[in-house]
Structure formats: structure tokens, C-alpha cells
Protein backbone atom coordinates (compact mmCIF):
# COMPACT_ATOMS: atom_id res chain seq x y z
CA UNK A 1 -20.43 -11.80 -22.52
CA UNK A 2 -22.92 -11.87 -19.71
CA UNK A 3 -20.61 -13.27 -17.02
CA UNK A 4 -16.83 -13.38 -16.73
CA UNK A 5 -15.08 -15.38 -14.01
CA UNK A 6 -11.56 -14.36 -13.07
CA UNK A 7 -10.63 -16.86 -10.39
CA UNK A 8 -7.13 -17.07 -8.91
CA UNK A 9 -5.51 -15.42 -11.96
CA UNK A 10 -5.37 -11.69 -11.36
CA UNK A 11 -2.07 -11.77 -9.44
CA UNK A 12 -0.38 -13.68 -12.30
CA UNK A 13 -1.27 -11.24 -15.08
CA UNK A 14 1.76 -9.42 -16.45
CA UNK A 15 -0.45 -6.68 -17.84
CA UNK A 16 -3.61 -6.58 -15.71
CA UNK A 17 -4.62 -3.14 -17.04
CA UNK A 18 -4.95 -4.33 -20.64
CA UNK A 19 -6.69 -7.57 -19.60
CA UNK A 20 -9.21 -5.80 -17.36
CA UNK A 21 -9.81 -3.19 -20.06
CA UNK A 22 -10.59 -5.97 -22.56
CA UNK A 23 -12.85 -7.79 -20.10
CA UNK A 24 -14.74 -4.54 -19.53
CA UNK A 25 -15.02 -4.04 -23.29
CA UNK A 26 -16.53 -7.48 -24.00
CA UNK A 27 -18.84 -7.48 -20.97
CA UNK A 28 -22.43 -6.75 -21.93
CA UNK A 29 -24.41 -3.98 -20.27
CA UNK A 30 -25.67 -5.35 -16.95
CA UNK A 31 -22.91 -7.97 -17.20
CA UNK A 32 -21.04 -9.43 -14.25
CA UNK A 33 -17.33 -9.83 -13.56
CA UNK A 34 -16.63 -12.14 -10.62
CA UNK A 35 -13.11 -12.00 -9.18
CA UNK A 36 -11.43 -14.05 -6.46
CA UNK A 37 -7.71 -14.14 -5.82
CA UNK A 38 -5.81 -15.88 -3.06
CA UNK A 39 -2.77 -13.59 -3.25
CA UNK A 40 -4.47 -10.19 -3.54
CA UNK A 41 -6.53 -8.79 -0.69
CA UNK A 42 -9.83 -7.05 -1.34
CA UNK A 43 -8.24 -3.61 -1.56
CA UNK A 44 -5.74 -4.72 -4.21
CA UNK A 45 -8.43 -6.41 -6.33
CA UNK A 46 -10.69 -3.34 -6.18
CA UNK A 47 -7.77 -1.01 -6.99
CA UNK A 48 -6.71 -3.17 -9.95
CA UNK A 49 -10.22 -3.14 -11.44
CA UNK A 50 -11.02 0.52 -10.67
CA UNK A 51 -7.61 1.72 -11.85
CA UNK A 52 -8.63 0.75 -15.38
CA UNK A 53 -12.35 1.35 -15.54
CA UNK A 54 -14.90 3.41 -13.68
CA UNK A 55 -17.74 1.42 -15.28
CA UNK A 56 -17.39 -1.65 -13.07
CA UNK A 57 -18.66 -1.25 -9.52
CA UNK A 58 -18.82 -3.81 -6.72
CA UNK A 59 -22.34 -5.19 -6.59
CA UNK A 60 -21.75 -8.06 -4.15
CA UNK A 61 -19.09 -9.33 -1.82
CA UNK A 62 -18.94 -12.74 -0.20
CA UNK A 63 -16.48 -13.63 2.53
CA UNK A 64 -14.54 -16.87 2.79
CA UNK A 65 -13.54 -17.68 6.37
CA UNK A 66 -13.69 -13.93 7.15
CA UNK A 67 -10.29 -13.37 5.53
CA UNK A 68 -9.45 -10.40 3.36
CA UNK A 69 -8.03 -12.82 0.78
CA UNK A 70 -10.12 -15.48 -0.96
CA UNK A 71 -13.04 -13.06 -1.01
CA UNK A 72 -15.36 -13.29 -3.97
CA UNK A 73 -15.97 -9.82 -5.40
CA UNK A 74 -18.72 -9.34 -7.95
CA UNK A 75 -18.50 -6.27 -10.19
CA UNK A 76 -21.27 -5.03 -12.46
CA UNK A 77 -21.48 -2.33 -15.09
CA UNK A 78 -25.15 -1.78 -14.37
CA UNK A 79 -26.13 1.82 -13.67
């Protein structure tokens, strides 16, 4: 996959490690994972992704109303 959108779901996953691992596996090189979650702040989202894989790095971050929640985080596996 070139792009994966994970919007408002991360906090509901019972096994986020296995889901994130699978998303990382199916994401093409130079692919994009976009994550936004209204219950997790930026730190929690980044921890959840980086806890599982070191391949995905934040490549962009957009703010929504300058809150730490509802922030769109874009991860990429591009070197």
C-alpha cells in the first residue's frame, strides 16, 4: 500500500502492536501512514508507533486548533 489512514481508531485497538506491525509490513517503501486520534495525544501516538517499528518516522505534523489531541501525524518509512 502507498498510503494508510488510521483516523480515530488507534485508541480502540485491543492489540495496537500487532496492527501497527502489520500496517508497517504492508506499507510500500516510501509509503505513508497518516494517524489522527482524538483520545491519544501526540506523545502517545508516537510512542505507540515507535514502540513497534523503528522504520516509520514522523515526516509531517499538522495541528488542529493548536491542541495536542486531534493532531494529524504523518509517518513515512522513507530513508
